[in-house]
Amino acid sequence: SSPLGVYDFQKRSSLIQVSAQGAQH
C-alpha cells in the first residue's frame, strides 16, 4: 500500500478506438 494522495481521488478509464484496418488483425 501507499500513502493517501491525489491518485486516490482520481479514476482511470481505458480508451479504445479501433480502426477498420485494426479490426482485421
mmCIF file of all heavy atoms, coordinates in Angstrom:
data_MODEL
# 
_entry.id   MODEL 
# 
loop_
_atom_site.group_PDB 
_atom_site.id 
_atom_site.type_symbol 
_atom_site.label_atom_id 
_atom_site.label_alt_id 
_atom_site.label_comp_id 
_atom_site.label_asym_id 
_atom_site.label_entity_id 
_atom_site.label_seq_id 
_atom_site.pdbx_PDB_ins_code 
_atom_site.Cartn_x 
_atom_site.Cartn_y 
_atom_site.Cartn_z 
_atom_site.occupancy 
_atom_site.B_iso_or_equiv 
_atom_site.pdbx_formal_charge 
_atom_site.auth_seq_id 
_atom_site.auth_comp_id 
_atom_site.auth_asym_id 
_atom_site.auth_atom_id 
_atom_site.pdbx_PDB_model_num 
ATOM 1   N N   . SER A 1 1  ? 0.836   -1.204 0.000   1.00 0.00 ? 1  SER A N   1 
ATOM 2   C CA  . SER A 1 1  ? 0.000   0.000  0.000   1.00 0.00 ? 1  SER A CA  1 
ATOM 3   C C   . SER A 1 1  ? 0.865   1.245  0.000   1.00 0.00 ? 1  SER A C   1 
ATOM 4   O O   . SER A 1 1  ? 2.057   1.200  0.296   1.00 0.00 ? 1  SER A O   1 
ATOM 5   C CB  . SER A 1 1  ? -0.918  0.019  1.228   1.00 0.00 ? 1  SER A CB  1 
ATOM 6   O OG  . SER A 1 1  ? -1.704  -1.142 1.304   1.00 0.00 ? 1  SER A OG  1 
ATOM 7   N N   . SER A 1 2  ? 0.219   2.372  -0.295  1.00 0.00 ? 2  SER A N   1 
ATOM 8   C CA  . SER A 1 2  ? 0.913   3.659  -0.388  1.00 0.00 ? 2  SER A CA  1 
ATOM 9   C C   . SER A 1 2  ? 0.206   4.703  0.466   1.00 0.00 ? 2  SER A C   1 
ATOM 10  O O   . SER A 1 2  ? -0.942  4.511  0.876   1.00 0.00 ? 2  SER A O   1 
ATOM 11  C CB  . SER A 1 2  ? 0.941   4.129  -1.844  1.00 0.00 ? 2  SER A CB  1 
ATOM 12  O OG  . SER A 1 2  ? 1.516   3.164  -2.686  1.00 0.00 ? 2  SER A OG  1 
ATOM 13  N N   . PRO A 1 3  ? 0.862   5.833  0.724   1.00 0.00 ? 3  PRO A N   1 
ATOM 14  C CA  . PRO A 1 3  ? 0.184   6.927  1.430   1.00 0.00 ? 3  PRO A CA  1 
ATOM 15  C C   . PRO A 1 3  ? -1.023  7.428  0.646   1.00 0.00 ? 3  PRO A C   1 
ATOM 16  O O   . PRO A 1 3  ? -1.086  7.298  -0.583  1.00 0.00 ? 3  PRO A O   1 
ATOM 17  C CB  . PRO A 1 3  ? 1.268   8.013  1.515   1.00 0.00 ? 3  PRO A CB  1 
ATOM 18  C CG  . PRO A 1 3  ? 2.559   7.285  1.349   1.00 0.00 ? 3  PRO A CG  1 
ATOM 19  C CD  . PRO A 1 3  ? 2.269   6.140  0.432   1.00 0.00 ? 3  PRO A CD  1 
ATOM 20  N N   . LEU A 1 4  ? -1.975  8.007  1.350   1.00 0.00 ? 4  LEU A N   1 
ATOM 21  C CA  . LEU A 1 4  ? -3.104  8.652  0.686   1.00 0.00 ? 4  LEU A CA  1 
ATOM 22  C C   . LEU A 1 4  ? -2.581  9.777  -0.199  1.00 0.00 ? 4  LEU A C   1 
ATOM 23  O O   . LEU A 1 4  ? -1.622  10.459 0.163   1.00 0.00 ? 4  LEU A O   1 
ATOM 24  C CB  . LEU A 1 4  ? -4.072  9.221  1.731   1.00 0.00 ? 4  LEU A CB  1 
ATOM 25  C CG  . LEU A 1 4  ? -5.392  9.779  1.195   1.00 0.00 ? 4  LEU A CG  1 
ATOM 26  C CD1 . LEU A 1 4  ? -6.319  8.639  0.791   1.00 0.00 ? 4  LEU A CD1 1 
ATOM 27  C CD2 . LEU A 1 4  ? -6.062  10.666 2.242   1.00 0.00 ? 4  LEU A CD2 1 
ATOM 28  N N   . GLY A 1 5  ? -3.194  9.952  -1.356  1.00 0.00 ? 5  GLY A N   1 
ATOM 29  C CA  . GLY A 1 5  ? -2.742  11.005 -2.245  1.00 0.00 ? 5  GLY A CA  1 
ATOM 30  C C   . GLY A 1 5  ? -3.800  11.376 -3.253  1.00 0.00 ? 5  GLY A C   1 
ATOM 31  O O   . GLY A 1 5  ? -4.921  10.842 -3.240  1.00 0.00 ? 5  GLY A O   1 
ATOM 32  N N   . VAL A 1 6  ? -3.456  12.262 -4.150  1.00 0.00 ? 6  VAL A N   1 
ATOM 33  C CA  . VAL A 1 6  ? -4.373  12.715 -5.195  1.00 0.00 ? 6  VAL A CA  1 
ATOM 34  C C   . VAL A 1 6  ? -4.869  11.538 -6.024  1.00 0.00 ? 6  VAL A C   1 
ATOM 35  O O   . VAL A 1 6  ? -6.037  11.474 -6.416  1.00 0.00 ? 6  VAL A O   1 
ATOM 36  C CB  . VAL A 1 6  ? -3.673  13.759 -6.100  1.00 0.00 ? 6  VAL A CB  1 
ATOM 37  C CG1 . VAL A 1 6  ? -4.522  14.084 -7.313  1.00 0.00 ? 6  VAL A CG1 1 
ATOM 38  C CG2 . VAL A 1 6  ? -3.387  15.027 -5.301  1.00 0.00 ? 6  VAL A CG2 1 
ATOM 39  N N   . TYR A 1 7  ? -3.975  10.566 -6.263  1.00 0.00 ? 7  TYR A N   1 
ATOM 40  C CA  . TYR A 1 7  ? -4.342  9.408  -7.076  1.00 0.00 ? 7  TYR A CA  1 
ATOM 41  C C   . TYR A 1 7  ? -5.464  8.585  -6.463  1.00 0.00 ? 7  TYR A C   1 
ATOM 42  O O   . TYR A 1 7  ? -6.093  7.786  -7.147  1.00 0.00 ? 7  TYR A O   1 
ATOM 43  C CB  . TYR A 1 7  ? -3.117  8.521  -7.311  1.00 0.00 ? 7  TYR A CB  1 
ATOM 44  C CG  . TYR A 1 7  ? -2.118  8.518  -6.187  1.00 0.00 ? 7  TYR A CG  1 
ATOM 45  C CD1 . TYR A 1 7  ? -2.373  7.881  -4.979  1.00 0.00 ? 7  TYR A CD1 1 
ATOM 46  C CD2 . TYR A 1 7  ? -0.901  9.192  -6.319  1.00 0.00 ? 7  TYR A CD2 1 
ATOM 47  C CE1 . TYR A 1 7  ? -1.456  7.896  -3.944  1.00 0.00 ? 7  TYR A CE1 1 
ATOM 48  C CE2 . TYR A 1 7  ? 0.014   9.208  -5.290  1.00 0.00 ? 7  TYR A CE2 1 
ATOM 49  C CZ  . TYR A 1 7  ? -0.257  8.563  -4.103  1.00 0.00 ? 7  TYR A CZ  1 
ATOM 50  O OH  . TYR A 1 7  ? 0.645   8.577  -3.068  1.00 0.00 ? 7  TYR A OH  1 
ATOM 51  N N   . ASP A 1 8  ? -5.713  8.740  -5.151  1.00 0.00 ? 8  ASP A N   1 
ATOM 52  C CA  . ASP A 1 8  ? -6.818  8.020  -4.509  1.00 0.00 ? 8  ASP A CA  1 
ATOM 53  C C   . ASP A 1 8  ? -8.168  8.642  -4.826  1.00 0.00 ? 8  ASP A C   1 
ATOM 54  O O   . ASP A 1 8  ? -9.210  8.063  -4.506  1.00 0.00 ? 8  ASP A O   1 
ATOM 55  C CB  . ASP A 1 8  ? -6.619  7.989  -2.996  1.00 0.00 ? 8  ASP A CB  1 
ATOM 56  C CG  . ASP A 1 8  ? -5.464  7.086  -2.602  1.00 0.00 ? 8  ASP A CG  1 
ATOM 57  O OD1 . ASP A 1 8  ? -5.592  5.867  -2.798  1.00 0.00 ? 8  ASP A OD1 1 
ATOM 58  O OD2 . ASP A 1 8  ? -4.439  7.594  -2.103  1.00 0.00 ? 8  ASP A OD2 1 
ATOM 59  N N   . PHE A 1 9  ? -8.173  9.824  -5.420  1.00 0.00 ? 9  PHE A N   1 
ATOM 60  C CA  . PHE A 1 9  ? -9.419  10.512 -5.744  1.00 0.00 ? 9  PHE A CA  1 
ATOM 61  C C   . PHE A 1 9  ? -9.604  10.681 -7.255  1.00 0.00 ? 9  PHE A C   1 
ATOM 62  O O   . PHE A 1 9  ? -10.511 11.353 -7.701  1.00 0.00 ? 9  PHE A O   1 
ATOM 63  C CB  . PHE A 1 9  ? -9.458  11.878 -5.046  1.00 0.00 ? 9  PHE A CB  1 
ATOM 64  C CG  . PHE A 1 9  ? -9.299  11.784 -3.558  1.00 0.00 ? 9  PHE A CG  1 
ATOM 65  C CD1 . PHE A 1 9  ? -8.090  12.064 -2.950  1.00 0.00 ? 9  PHE A CD1 1 
ATOM 66  C CD2 . PHE A 1 9  ? -10.365 11.387 -2.764  1.00 0.00 ? 9  PHE A CD2 1 
ATOM 67  C CE1 . PHE A 1 9  ? -7.942  11.968 -1.573  1.00 0.00 ? 9  PHE A CE1 1 
ATOM 68  C CE2 . PHE A 1 9  ? -10.236 11.277 -1.390  1.00 0.00 ? 9  PHE A CE2 1 
ATOM 69  C CZ  . PHE A 1 9  ? -9.017  11.570 -0.796  1.00 0.00 ? 9  PHE A CZ  1 
ATOM 70  N N   . GLN A 1 10 ? -8.708  10.087 -8.022  1.00 0.00 ? 10 GLN A N   1 
ATOM 71  C CA  . GLN A 1 10 ? -8.818  10.084 -9.471  1.00 0.00 ? 10 GLN A CA  1 
ATOM 72  C C   . GLN A 1 10 ? -9.048  8.662  -9.968  1.00 0.00 ? 10 GLN A C   1 
ATOM 73  O O   . GLN A 1 10 ? -8.602  7.700  -9.344  1.00 0.00 ? 10 GLN A O   1 
ATOM 74  C CB  . GLN A 1 10 ? -7.546  10.644 -10.125 1.00 0.00 ? 10 GLN A CB  1 
ATOM 75  C CG  . GLN A 1 10 ? -7.338  12.128 -9.912  1.00 0.00 ? 10 GLN A CG  1 
ATOM 76  C CD  . GLN A 1 10 ? -6.101  12.624 -10.629 1.00 0.00 ? 10 GLN A CD  1 
ATOM 77  O OE1 . GLN A 1 10 ? -5.011  12.089 -10.458 1.00 0.00 ? 10 GLN A OE1 1 
ATOM 78  N NE2 . GLN A 1 10 ? -6.271  13.651 -11.451 1.00 0.00 ? 10 GLN A NE2 1 
ATOM 79  N N   . LYS A 1 11 ? -9.740  8.534  -11.081 1.00 0.00 ? 11 LYS A N   1 
ATOM 80  C CA  . LYS A 1 11 ? -10.012 7.243  -11.692 1.00 0.00 ? 11 LYS A CA  1 
ATOM 81  C C   . LYS A 1 11 ? -9.459  7.229  -13.112 1.00 0.00 ? 11 LYS A C   1 
ATOM 82  O O   . LYS A 1 11 ? -9.349  8.267  -13.752 1.00 0.00 ? 11 LYS A O   1 
ATOM 83  C CB  . LYS A 1 11 ? -11.526 6.968  -11.750 1.00 0.00 ? 11 LYS A CB  1 
ATOM 84  C CG  . LYS A 1 11 ? -12.228 7.070  -10.413 1.00 0.00 ? 11 LYS A CG  1 
ATOM 85  C CD  . LYS A 1 11 ? -13.727 6.964  -10.577 1.00 0.00 ? 11 LYS A CD  1 
ATOM 86  C CE  . LYS A 1 11 ? -14.346 8.223  -11.144 1.00 0.00 ? 11 LYS A CE  1 
ATOM 87  N NZ  . LYS A 1 11 ? -14.377 8.313  -12.585 1.00 0.00 ? 11 LYS A NZ  1 
ATOM 88  N N   . ARG A 1 12 ? -9.141  6.042  -13.580 1.00 0.00 ? 12 ARG A N   1 
ATOM 89  C CA  . ARG A 1 12 ? -8.615  5.875  -14.935 1.00 0.00 ? 12 ARG A CA  1 
ATOM 90  C C   . ARG A 1 12 ? -9.599  5.075  -15.771 1.00 0.00 ? 12 ARG A C   1 
ATOM 91  O O   . ARG A 1 12 ? -10.036 3.996  -15.354 1.00 0.00 ? 12 ARG A O   1 
ATOM 92  C CB  . ARG A 1 12 ? -7.261  5.164  -14.905 1.00 0.00 ? 12 ARG A CB  1 
ATOM 93  C CG  . ARG A 1 12 ? -6.215  5.899  -14.092 1.00 0.00 ? 12 ARG A CG  1 
ATOM 94  C CD  . ARG A 1 12 ? -4.903  5.146  -14.048 1.00 0.00 ? 12 ARG A CD  1 
ATOM 95  N NE  . ARG A 1 12 ? -5.044  3.773  -13.540 1.00 0.00 ? 12 ARG A NE  1 
ATOM 96  C CZ  . ARG A 1 12 ? -5.089  3.455  -12.261 1.00 0.00 ? 12 ARG A CZ  1 
ATOM 97  N NH1 . ARG A 1 12 ? -5.010  4.406  -11.341 1.00 0.00 ? 12 ARG A NH1 1 
ATOM 98  N NH2 . ARG A 1 12 ? -5.197  2.191  -11.877 1.00 0.00 ? 12 ARG A NH2 1 
ATOM 99  N N   . SER A 1 13 ? -9.952  5.595  -16.918 1.00 0.00 ? 13 SER A N   1 
ATOM 100 C CA  . SER A 1 13 ? -10.790 4.875  -17.884 1.00 0.00 ? 13 SER A CA  1 
ATOM 101 C C   . SER A 1 13 ? -9.950  4.567  -19.118 1.00 0.00 ? 13 SER A C   1 
ATOM 102 O O   . SER A 1 13 ? -9.267  5.452  -19.642 1.00 0.00 ? 13 SER A O   1 
ATOM 103 C CB  . SER A 1 13 ? -12.005 5.714  -18.301 1.00 0.00 ? 13 SER A CB  1 
ATOM 104 O OG  . SER A 1 13 ? -12.823 6.012  -17.183 1.00 0.00 ? 13 SER A OG  1 
ATOM 105 N N   . SER A 1 14 ? -9.991  3.316  -19.552 1.00 0.00 ? 14 SER A N   1 
ATOM 106 C CA  . SER A 1 14 ? -9.250  2.941  -20.763 1.00 0.00 ? 14 SER A CA  1 
ATOM 107 C C   . SER A 1 14 ? -9.967  3.475  -21.999 1.00 0.00 ? 14 SER A C   1 
ATOM 108 O O   . SER A 1 14 ? -11.198 3.477  -22.067 1.00 0.00 ? 14 SER A O   1 
ATOM 109 C CB  . SER A 1 14 ? -9.137  1.419  -20.864 1.00 0.00 ? 14 SER A CB  1 
ATOM 110 O OG  . SER A 1 14 ? -8.472  0.897  -19.735 1.00 0.00 ? 14 SER A OG  1 
ATOM 111 N N   . LEU A 1 15 ? -9.196  3.932  -22.973 1.00 0.00 ? 15 LEU A N   1 
ATOM 112 C CA  . LEU A 1 15 ? -9.734  4.417  -24.249 1.00 0.00 ? 15 LEU A CA  1 
ATOM 113 C C   . LEU A 1 15 ? -9.327  3.458  -25.355 1.00 0.00 ? 15 LEU A C   1 
ATOM 114 O O   . LEU A 1 15 ? -8.144  3.139  -25.514 1.00 0.00 ? 15 LEU A O   1 
ATOM 115 C CB  . LEU A 1 15 ? -9.203  5.818  -24.556 1.00 0.00 ? 15 LEU A CB  1 
ATOM 116 C CG  . LEU A 1 15 ? -9.500  6.916  -23.528 1.00 0.00 ? 15 LEU A CG  1 
ATOM 117 C CD1 . LEU A 1 15 ? -8.881  8.235  -23.968 1.00 0.00 ? 15 LEU A CD1 1 
ATOM 118 C CD2 . LEU A 1 15 ? -10.992 7.067  -23.328 1.00 0.00 ? 15 LEU A CD2 1 
ATOM 119 N N   . ILE A 1 16 ? -10.300 2.982  -26.118 1.00 0.00 ? 16 ILE A N   1 
ATOM 120 C CA  . ILE A 1 16 ? -10.031 2.034  -27.200 1.00 0.00 ? 16 ILE A CA  1 
ATOM 121 C C   . ILE A 1 16 ? -10.827 2.458  -28.432 1.00 0.00 ? 16 ILE A C   1 
ATOM 122 O O   . ILE A 1 16 ? -12.056 2.419  -28.423 1.00 0.00 ? 16 ILE A O   1 
ATOM 123 C CB  . ILE A 1 16 ? -10.428 0.597  -26.803 1.00 0.00 ? 16 ILE A CB  1 
ATOM 124 C CG1 . ILE A 1 16 ? -9.711  0.172  -25.515 1.00 0.00 ? 16 ILE A CG1 1 
ATOM 125 C CG2 . ILE A 1 16 ? -10.134 -0.384 -27.940 1.00 0.00 ? 16 ILE A CG2 1 
ATOM 126 C CD1 . ILE A 1 16 ? -10.237 -1.107 -24.908 1.00 0.00 ? 16 ILE A CD1 1 
ATOM 127 N N   . GLN A 1 17 ? -10.148 2.932  -29.458 1.00 0.00 ? 17 GLN A N   1 
ATOM 128 C CA  . GLN A 1 17 ? -10.785 3.307  -30.715 1.00 0.00 ? 17 GLN A CA  1 
ATOM 129 C C   . GLN A 1 17 ? -10.084 2.542  -31.839 1.00 0.00 ? 17 GLN A C   1 
ATOM 130 O O   . GLN A 1 17 ? -9.023  2.941  -32.318 1.00 0.00 ? 17 GLN A O   1 
ATOM 131 C CB  . GLN A 1 17 ? -10.695 4.819  -30.956 1.00 0.00 ? 17 GLN A CB  1 
ATOM 132 C CG  . GLN A 1 17 ? -11.412 5.261  -32.219 1.00 0.00 ? 17 GLN A CG  1 
ATOM 133 C CD  . GLN A 1 17 ? -11.367 6.772  -32.406 1.00 0.00 ? 17 GLN A CD  1 
ATOM 134 O OE1 . GLN A 1 17 ? -10.797 7.499  -31.598 1.00 0.00 ? 17 GLN A OE1 1 
ATOM 135 N NE2 . GLN A 1 17 ? -11.973 7.243  -33.481 1.00 0.00 ? 17 GLN A NE2 1 
ATOM 136 N N   . VAL A 1 18 ? -10.693 1.425  -32.241 1.00 0.00 ? 18 VAL A N   1 
ATOM 137 C CA  . VAL A 1 18 ? -10.074 0.546  -33.238 1.00 0.00 ? 18 VAL A CA  1 
ATOM 138 C C   . VAL A 1 18 ? -10.466 1.001  -34.638 1.00 0.00 ? 18 VAL A C   1 
ATOM 139 O O   . VAL A 1 18 ? -11.647 1.238  -34.925 1.00 0.00 ? 18 VAL A O   1 
ATOM 140 C CB  . VAL A 1 18 ? -10.506 -0.916 -32.997 1.00 0.00 ? 18 VAL A CB  1 
ATOM 141 C CG1 . VAL A 1 18 ? -9.874  -1.841 -34.036 1.00 0.00 ? 18 VAL A CG1 1 
ATOM 142 C CG2 . VAL A 1 18 ? -10.119 -1.358 -31.588 1.00 0.00 ? 18 VAL A CG2 1 
ATOM 143 N N   . SER A 1 19 ? -9.496  1.111  -35.480 1.00 0.00 ? 19 SER A N   1 
ATOM 144 C CA  . SER A 1 19 ? -9.753  1.492  -36.879 1.00 0.00 ? 19 SER A CA  1 
ATOM 145 C C   . SER A 1 19 ? -10.282 0.274  -37.656 1.00 0.00 ? 19 SER A C   1 
ATOM 146 O O   . SER A 1 19 ? -10.179 -0.872 -37.196 1.00 0.00 ? 19 SER A O   1 
ATOM 147 C CB  . SER A 1 19 ? -8.473  1.993  -37.535 1.00 0.00 ? 19 SER A CB  1 
ATOM 148 O OG  . SER A 1 19 ? -7.539  0.931  -37.645 1.00 0.00 ? 19 SER A OG  1 
ATOM 149 N N   . ALA A 1 20 ? -10.836 0.522  -38.843 1.00 0.00 ? 20 ALA A N   1 
ATOM 150 C CA  . ALA A 1 20 ? -11.315 -0.577 -39.694 1.00 0.00 ? 20 ALA A CA  1 
ATOM 151 C C   . ALA A 1 20 ? -10.175 -1.530 -40.011 1.00 0.00 ? 20 ALA A C   1 
ATOM 152 O O   . ALA A 1 20 ? -10.341 -2.764 -40.017 1.00 0.00 ? 20 ALA A O   1 
ATOM 153 C CB  . ALA A 1 20 ? -11.921 -0.016 -40.971 1.00 0.00 ? 20 ALA A CB  1 
ATOM 154 N N   . GLN A 1 21 ? -8.997  -0.983 -40.278 1.00 0.00 ? 21 GLN A N   1 
ATOM 155 C CA  . GLN A 1 21 ? -7.849  -1.830 -40.594 1.00 0.00 ? 21 GLN A CA  1 
ATOM 156 C C   . GLN A 1 21 ? -7.410  -2.614 -39.361 1.00 0.00 ? 21 GLN A C   1 
ATOM 157 O O   . GLN A 1 21 ? -7.087  -3.803 -39.442 1.00 0.00 ? 21 GLN A O   1 
ATOM 158 C CB  . GLN A 1 21 ? -6.698  -0.966 -41.112 1.00 0.00 ? 21 GLN A CB  1 
ATOM 159 C CG  . GLN A 1 21 ? -5.473  -1.773 -41.521 1.00 0.00 ? 21 GLN A CG  1 
ATOM 160 C CD  . GLN A 1 21 ? -4.341  -0.884 -42.021 1.00 0.00 ? 21 GLN A CD  1 
ATOM 161 O OE1 . GLN A 1 21 ? -4.521  0.323  -42.204 1.00 0.00 ? 21 GLN A OE1 1 
ATOM 162 N NE2 . GLN A 1 21 ? -3.174  -1.476 -42.230 1.00 0.00 ? 21 GLN A NE2 1 
ATOM 163 N N   . GLY A 1 22 ? -7.418  -1.942 -38.197 1.00 0.00 ? 22 GLY A N   1 
ATOM 164 C CA  . GLY A 1 22 ? -7.008  -2.615 -36.962 1.00 0.00 ? 22 GLY A CA  1 
ATOM 165 C C   . GLY A 1 22 ? -7.932  -3.764 -36.599 1.00 0.00 ? 22 GLY A C   1 
ATOM 166 O O   . GLY A 1 22 ? -7.501  -4.777 -36.037 1.00 0.00 ? 22 GLY A O   1 
ATOM 167 N N   . ALA A 1 23 ? -9.220  -3.618 -36.932 1.00 0.00 ? 23 ALA A N   1 
ATOM 168 C CA  . ALA A 1 23 ? -10.196 -4.661 -36.598 1.00 0.00 ? 23 ALA A CA  1 
ATOM 169 C C   . ALA A 1 23 ? -9.905  -5.968 -37.331 1.00 0.00 ? 23 ALA A C   1 
ATOM 170 O O   . ALA A 1 23 ? -10.265 -7.056 -36.851 1.00 0.00 ? 23 ALA A O   1 
ATOM 171 C CB  . ALA A 1 23 ? -11.602 -4.190 -36.927 1.00 0.00 ? 23 ALA A CB  1 
ATOM 172 N N   . GLN A 1 24 ? -9.260  -5.899 -38.491 1.00 0.00 ? 24 GLN A N   1 
ATOM 173 C CA  . GLN A 1 24 ? -8.944  -7.111 -39.250 1.00 0.00 ? 24 GLN A CA  1 
ATOM 174 C C   . GLN A 1 24 ? -7.918  -7.964 -38.482 1.00 0.00 ? 24 GLN A C   1 
ATOM 175 O O   . GLN A 1 24 ? -8.058  -9.187 -38.363 1.00 0.00 ? 24 GLN A O   1 
ATOM 176 C CB  . GLN A 1 24 ? -8.393  -6.748 -40.635 1.00 0.00 ? 24 GLN A CB  1 
ATOM 177 C CG  . GLN A 1 24 ? -9.209  -5.718 -41.393 1.00 0.00 ? 24 GLN A CG  1 
ATOM 178 C CD  . GLN A 1 24 ? -10.688 -6.059 -41.427 1.00 0.00 ? 24 GLN A CD  1 
ATOM 179 O OE1 . GLN A 1 24 ? -11.086 -7.126 -41.901 1.00 0.00 ? 24 GLN A OE1 1 
ATOM 180 N NE2 . GLN A 1 24 ? -11.506 -5.173 -40.900 1.00 0.00 ? 24 GLN A NE2 1 
ATOM 181 N N   . HIS A 1 25 ? -6.917  -7.305 -37.959 1.00 0.00 ? 25 HIS A N   1 
ATOM 182 C CA  . HIS A 1 25 ? -5.846  -8.003 -37.259 1.00 0.00 ? 25 HIS A CA  1 
ATOM 183 C C   . HIS A 1 25 ? -6.278  -8.403 -35.844 1.00 0.00 ? 25 HIS A C   1 
ATOM 184 O O   . HIS A 1 25 ? -6.156  -9.574 -35.446 1.00 0.00 ? 25 HIS A O   1 
ATOM 185 C CB  . HIS A 1 25 ? -4.600  -7.105 -37.220 1.00 0.00 ? 25 HIS A CB  1 
ATOM 186 C CG  . HIS A 1 25 ? -3.486  -7.650 -36.388 1.00 0.00 ? 25 HIS A CG  1 
ATOM 187 N ND1 . HIS A 1 25 ? -2.862  -8.848 -36.673 1.00 0.00 ? 25 HIS A ND1 1 
ATOM 188 C CD2 . HIS A 1 25 ? -2.891  -7.158 -35.266 1.00 0.00 ? 25 HIS A CD2 1 
ATOM 189 C CE1 . HIS A 1 25 ? -1.924  -9.076 -35.762 1.00 0.00 ? 25 HIS A CE1 1 
ATOM 190 N NE2 . HIS A 1 25 ? -1.922  -8.072 -34.906 1.00 0.00 ? 25 HIS A NE2 1 
# 
